[in-house]
């Protein structure tokens, strides 16, 4: 189960980096 949680956090981190590069992405809807 911990692996799933870790993957979720890693995915969120990657999405945040992409959102910083591309301002068009809004994940805070």
PDB file of N, CA and C in Angstrom:
ATOM      1  N   UNK A   1       0.837  -1.205   0.000  1.00  0.00           N
ATOM      2  CA  UNK A   1       0.000   0.000   0.000  1.00  0.00           C
ATOM      3  C   UNK A   1       0.878   1.262   0.000  1.00  0.00           C
ATOM      4  N   UNK A   2       2.007   1.191   0.690  1.00  0.00           N
ATOM      5  CA  UNK A   2       2.874   2.363   0.769  1.00  0.00           C
ATOM      6  C   UNK A   2       3.403   2.753  -0.605  1.00  0.00           C
ATOM      7  N   UNK A   3       3.595   1.752  -1.482  1.00  0.00           N
ATOM      8  CA  UNK A   3       4.108   2.045  -2.821  1.00  0.00           C
ATOM      9  C   UNK A   3       3.104   2.909  -3.577  1.00  0.00           C
ATOM     10  N   UNK A   4       1.828   2.617  -3.423  1.00  0.00           N
ATOM     11  CA  UNK A   4       0.792   3.387  -4.111  1.00  0.00           C
ATOM     12  C   UNK A   4       0.806   4.835  -3.634  1.00  0.00           C
ATOM     13  N   UNK A   5       0.925   5.028  -2.329  1.00  0.00           N
ATOM     14  CA  UNK A   5       0.947   6.386  -1.778  1.00  0.00           C
ATOM     15  C   UNK A   5       2.169   7.137  -2.287  1.00  0.00           C
ATOM     16  N   UNK A   6       3.317   6.453  -2.313  1.00  0.00           N
ATOM     17  CA  UNK A   6       4.550   7.087  -2.784  1.00  0.00           C
ATOM     18  C   UNK A   6       4.406   7.500  -4.236  1.00  0.00           C
ATOM     19  N   UNK A   7       3.799   6.632  -5.047  1.00  0.00           N
ATOM     20  CA  UNK A   7       3.605   6.964  -6.464  1.00  0.00           C
ATOM     21  C   UNK A   7       2.694   8.175  -6.607  1.00  0.00           C
ATOM     22  N   UNK A   8       1.692   8.282  -5.752  1.00  0.00           N
ATOM     23  CA  UNK A   8       0.777   9.416  -5.808  1.00  0.00           C
ATOM     24  C   UNK A   8       1.524  10.715  -5.509  1.00  0.00           C
ATOM     25  N   UNK A   9       2.371  10.698  -4.475  1.00  0.00           N
ATOM     26  CA  UNK A   9       3.123  11.898  -4.119  1.00  0.00           C
ATOM     27  C   UNK A   9       4.106  12.253  -5.221  1.00  0.00           C
ATOM     28  N   UNK A  10       4.765  11.231  -5.798  1.00  0.00           N
ATOM     29  CA  UNK A  10       5.708  11.492  -6.889  1.00  0.00           C
ATOM     30  C   UNK A  10       4.970  12.103  -8.074  1.00  0.00           C
ATOM     31  N   UNK A  11       3.776  11.586  -8.378  1.00  0.00           N
ATOM     32  CA  UNK A  11       2.993  12.096  -9.502  1.00  0.00           C
ATOM     33  C   UNK A  11       2.613  13.552  -9.258  1.00  0.00           C
ATOM     34  N   UNK A  12       2.200  13.871  -8.040  1.00  0.00           N
ATOM     35  CA  UNK A  12       1.826  15.241  -7.712  1.00  0.00           C
ATOM     36  C   UNK A  12       3.023  16.168  -7.863  1.00  0.00           C
ATOM     37  N   UNK A  13       4.211  15.695  -7.436  1.00  0.00           N
ATOM     38  CA  UNK A  13       5.419  16.509  -7.538  1.00  0.00           C
ATOM     39  C   UNK A  13       5.739  16.805  -9.000  1.00  0.00           C
ATOM     40  N   UNK A  14       5.619  15.783  -9.844  1.00  0.00           N
ATOM     41  CA  UNK A  14       5.893  15.964 -11.276  1.00  0.00           C
ATOM     42  C   UNK A  14       4.885  16.934 -11.887  1.00  0.00           C
ATOM     43  N   UNK A  15       3.618  16.783 -11.498  1.00  0.00           N
ATOM     44  CA  UNK A  15       2.574  17.669 -12.032  1.00  0.00           C
ATOM     45  C   UNK A  15       2.845  19.105 -11.608  1.00  0.00           C
ATOM     46  N   UNK A  16       3.308  19.302 -10.374  1.00  0.00           N
ATOM     47  CA  UNK A  16       3.600  20.664  -9.911  1.00  0.00           C
ATOM     48  C   UNK A  16       4.736  21.265 -10.730  1.00  0.00           C
ATOM     49  N   UNK A  17       5.765  20.456 -11.037  1.00  0.00           N
ATOM     50  CA  UNK A  17       6.877  20.975 -11.836  1.00  0.00           C
ATOM     51  C   UNK A  17       6.390  21.363 -13.223  1.00  0.00           C
ATOM     52  N   UNK A  18       5.515  20.528 -13.811  1.00  0.00           N
ATOM     53  CA  UNK A  18       4.986  20.837 -15.137  1.00  0.00           C
ATOM     54  C   UNK A  18       4.118  22.085 -15.073  1.00  0.00           C
ATOM     55  N   UNK A  19       3.331  22.236 -14.005  1.00  0.00           N
ATOM     56  CA  UNK A  19       2.433  23.385 -13.890  1.00  0.00           C
ATOM     57  C   UNK A  19       3.250  24.668 -13.743  1.00  0.00           C
ATOM     58  N   UNK A  20       4.428  24.591 -13.121  1.00  0.00           N
ATOM     59  CA  UNK A  20       5.279  25.771 -12.994  1.00  0.00           C
ATOM     60  C   UNK A  20       5.829  26.161 -14.364  1.00  0.00           C
ATOM     61  N   UNK A  21       6.138  25.155 -15.199  1.00  0.00           N
ATOM     62  CA  UNK A  21       6.676  25.424 -16.530  1.00  0.00           C
ATOM     63  C   UNK A  21       5.580  25.932 -17.454  1.00  0.00           C
ATOM     64  N   UNK A  22       4.393  25.346 -17.365  1.00  0.00           N
ATOM     65  CA  UNK A  22       3.276  25.722 -18.231  1.00  0.00           C
ATOM     66  C   UNK A  22       2.161  26.321 -17.384  1.00  0.00           C
ATOM     67  N   UNK A  23       2.025  27.633 -17.440  1.00  0.00           N
ATOM     68  CA  UNK A  23       1.043  28.319 -16.601  1.00  0.00           C
ATOM     69  C   UNK A  23      -0.386  28.041 -17.035  1.00  0.00           C
ATOM     70  N   UNK A  24      -0.565  27.458 -18.227  1.00  0.00           N
ATOM     71  CA  UNK A  24      -1.917  27.203 -18.719  1.00  0.00           C
ATOM     72  C   UNK A  24      -2.584  26.083 -17.940  1.00  0.00           C
ATOM     73  N   UNK A  25      -1.789  25.248 -17.278  1.00  0.00           N
ATOM     74  CA  UNK A  25      -2.364  24.117 -16.551  1.00  0.00           C
ATOM     75  C   UNK A  25      -2.856  24.594 -15.185  1.00  0.00           C
ATOM     76  N   UNK A  26      -4.133  24.373 -14.897  1.00  0.00           N
ATOM     77  CA  UNK A  26      -4.686  24.768 -13.594  1.00  0.00           C
ATOM     78  C   UNK A  26      -5.267  23.535 -12.921  1.00  0.00           C
ATOM     79  N   UNK A  27      -4.601  23.078 -11.866  1.00  0.00           N
ATOM     80  CA  UNK A  27      -5.034  21.867 -11.181  1.00  0.00           C
ATOM     81  C   UNK A  27      -5.803  22.201  -9.906  1.00  0.00           C
ATOM     82  N   UNK A  28      -6.096  23.513  -9.698  1.00  0.00           N
ATOM     83  CA  UNK A  28      -6.757  23.912  -8.456  1.00  0.00           C
ATOM     84  C   UNK A  28      -8.213  24.267  -8.723  1.00  0.00           C
ATOM     85  N   UNK A  29      -8.807  23.579  -9.671  1.00  0.00           N
ATOM     86  CA  UNK A  29     -10.187  23.899 -10.056  1.00  0.00           C
ATOM     87  C   UNK A  29     -11.117  23.679  -8.866  1.00  0.00           C
TER      88      UNK A  29
END
